[in-house]
Amino acid sequence: MAITLSEQSKERLLTSIKRYFLENLEDEIGDLKATLFLDFCLQEIGASVYNQAILDAQTYIQEKAQDLEGSCYEPEFGYWQD
């Protein structure tokens, strides 16, 4: 499954990449190099990050589902305190 970004996200990422190169590597890069770098990151590490996010979400949901009775249980017939 290819990771696709909205145009707004892509533009913000490209701006961030260019700024990172300038501030941390003292190298001013243009749109082409930033786009190639972003494409590389998405292809090379994007799937790993995506898969970990899915695993984290699945673990979170499973933990919440296991504790459903504990977190959502409401005692019955509590009006009369015998």
C-alpha atoms as a PDB file:
ATOM      1  CA  MET A   1       0.000   0.000   0.000  1.00  0.00           C
ATOM      2  CA  ALA A   2       1.615   3.221  -1.137  1.00  0.00           C
ATOM      3  CA  ILE A   3       1.576   6.130   1.261  1.00  0.00           C
ATOM      4  CA  THR A   4      -0.013   9.178  -0.306  1.00  0.00           C
ATOM      5  CA  LEU A   5      -0.031  12.664   1.100  1.00  0.00           C
ATOM      6  CA  SER A   6      -2.334  15.589   0.546  1.00  0.00           C
ATOM      7  CA  GLU A   7      -0.850  18.442  -1.460  1.00  0.00           C
ATOM      8  CA  GLN A   8      -0.912  20.640   1.645  1.00  0.00           C
ATOM      9  CA  SER A   9       1.001  18.050   3.694  1.00  0.00           C
ATOM     10  CA  LYS A  10       3.497  17.502   0.902  1.00  0.00           C
ATOM     11  CA  GLU A  11       4.182  21.238   0.580  1.00  0.00           C
ATOM     12  CA  ARG A  12       4.680  21.597   4.339  1.00  0.00           C
ATOM     13  CA  LEU A  13       7.015  18.601   4.380  1.00  0.00           C
ATOM     14  CA  LEU A  14       9.054  19.955   1.484  1.00  0.00           C
ATOM     15  CA  THR A  15       9.408  23.282   3.284  1.00  0.00           C
ATOM     16  CA  SER A  16      10.470  21.458   6.433  1.00  0.00           C
ATOM     17  CA  ILE A  17      13.014  19.310   4.568  1.00  0.00           C
ATOM     18  CA  LYS A  18      14.578  22.344   2.893  1.00  0.00           C
ATOM     19  CA  ARG A  19      14.784  24.136   6.231  1.00  0.00           C
ATOM     20  CA  TYR A  20      16.329  21.077   7.907  1.00  0.00           C
ATOM     21  CA  PHE A  21      19.040  20.845   5.250  1.00  0.00           C
ATOM     22  CA  LEU A  22      19.787  24.538   5.541  1.00  0.00           C
ATOM     23  CA  GLU A  23      19.886  24.725   9.345  1.00  0.00           C
ATOM     24  CA  ASN A  24      21.475  21.371  10.165  1.00  0.00           C
ATOM     25  CA  LEU A  25      23.589  20.522   7.138  1.00  0.00           C
ATOM     26  CA  GLU A  26      24.302  24.057   5.929  1.00  0.00           C
ATOM     27  CA  ASP A  27      23.139  23.042   2.461  1.00  0.00           C
ATOM     28  CA  GLU A  28      20.432  24.910   0.595  1.00  0.00           C
ATOM     29  CA  ILE A  29      18.441  22.509  -1.558  1.00  0.00           C
ATOM     30  CA  GLY A  30      15.715  23.181  -4.062  1.00  0.00           C
ATOM     31  CA  ASP A  31      12.310  21.676  -4.672  1.00  0.00           C
ATOM     32  CA  LEU A  32      13.623  18.808  -6.814  1.00  0.00           C
ATOM     33  CA  LYS A  33      16.108  17.538  -4.228  1.00  0.00           C
ATOM     34  CA  ALA A  34      13.589  17.971  -1.419  1.00  0.00           C
ATOM     35  CA  THR A  35      10.952  16.061  -3.432  1.00  0.00           C
ATOM     36  CA  LEU A  36      13.386  13.249  -4.226  1.00  0.00           C
ATOM     37  CA  PHE A  37      14.374  13.029  -0.566  1.00  0.00           C
ATOM     38  CA  LEU A  38      10.724  12.969   0.540  1.00  0.00           C
ATOM     39  CA  ASP A  39       9.914  10.262  -2.021  1.00  0.00           C
ATOM     40  CA  PHE A  40      12.883   8.209  -0.791  1.00  0.00           C
ATOM     41  CA  CYS A  41      11.780   8.541   2.839  1.00  0.00           C
ATOM     42  CA  LEU A  42       8.220   7.542   2.022  1.00  0.00           C
ATOM     43  CA  GLN A  43       9.326   4.511   0.010  1.00  0.00           C
ATOM     44  CA  GLU A  44      12.137   3.380   2.278  1.00  0.00           C
ATOM     45  CA  ILE A  45      10.864   4.051   5.810  1.00  0.00           C
ATOM     46  CA  GLY A  46       7.217   4.979   5.300  1.00  0.00           C
ATOM     47  CA  ALA A  47       5.982   1.390   5.373  1.00  0.00           C
ATOM     48  CA  SER A  48       7.871   0.652   8.602  1.00  0.00           C
ATOM     49  CA  VAL A  49       6.391   3.703  10.319  1.00  0.00           C
ATOM     50  CA  TYR A  50       2.919   2.906   8.965  1.00  0.00           C
ATOM     51  CA  ASN A  51       3.106  -0.730  10.074  1.00  0.00           C
ATOM     52  CA  GLN A  52       4.249   0.267  13.562  1.00  0.00           C
ATOM     53  CA  ALA A  53       1.405   2.780  13.829  1.00  0.00           C
ATOM     54  CA  ILE A  54      -1.107   0.085  12.852  1.00  0.00           C
ATOM     55  CA  LEU A  55       0.414  -2.309  15.403  1.00  0.00           C
ATOM     56  CA  ASP A  56       0.279   0.368  18.118  1.00  0.00           C
ATOM     57  CA  ALA A  57      -3.354   1.164  17.300  1.00  0.00           C
ATOM     58  CA  GLN A  58      -4.276  -2.521  17.267  1.00  0.00           C
ATOM     59  CA  THR A  59      -2.592  -3.078  20.644  1.00  0.00           C
ATOM     60  CA  TYR A  60      -4.339  -0.036  22.116  1.00  0.00           C
ATOM     61  CA  ILE A  61      -7.763  -1.177  20.896  1.00  0.00           C
ATOM     62  CA  GLN A  62      -7.215  -4.734  22.114  1.00  0.00           C
ATOM     63  CA  GLU A  63      -6.184  -3.504  25.575  1.00  0.00           C
ATOM     64  CA  LYS A  64      -9.265  -1.279  25.779  1.00  0.00           C
ATOM     65  CA  ALA A  65     -11.511  -4.113  24.605  1.00  0.00           C
ATOM     66  CA  GLN A  66     -10.076  -6.484  27.215  1.00  0.00           C
ATOM     67  CA  ASP A  67     -10.822  -3.960  29.952  1.00  0.00           C
ATOM     68  CA  LEU A  68     -14.286  -3.111  28.634  1.00  0.00           C
ATOM     69  CA  GLU A  69     -16.091  -4.727  31.550  1.00  0.00           C
ATOM     70  CA  GLY A  70     -13.845  -3.018  34.090  1.00  0.00           C
ATOM     71  CA  SER A  71     -14.098   0.418  32.583  1.00  0.00           C
ATOM     72  CA  CYS A  72     -17.737   0.329  31.510  1.00  0.00           C
ATOM     73  CA  TYR A  73     -19.374  -1.870  34.150  1.00  0.00           C
ATOM     74  CA  GLU A  74     -22.196  -0.273  36.079  1.00  0.00           C
ATOM     75  CA  PRO A  75     -23.493  -2.062  39.194  1.00  0.00           C
ATOM     76  CA  GLU A  76     -27.119  -3.128  38.966  1.00  0.00           C
ATOM     77  CA  PHE A  77     -29.916  -2.716  41.458  1.00  0.00           C
ATOM     78  CA  GLY A  78     -28.081  -0.096  43.504  1.00  0.00           C
ATOM     79  CA  TYR A  79     -31.076   1.916  44.624  1.00  0.00           C
ATOM     80  CA  TRP A  80     -31.797  -0.045  47.787  1.00  0.00           C
ATOM     81  CA  GLN A  81     -28.847  -0.184  50.078  1.00  0.00           C
ATOM     82  CA  ASP A  82     -29.528  -3.285  52.190  1.00  0.00           C
END
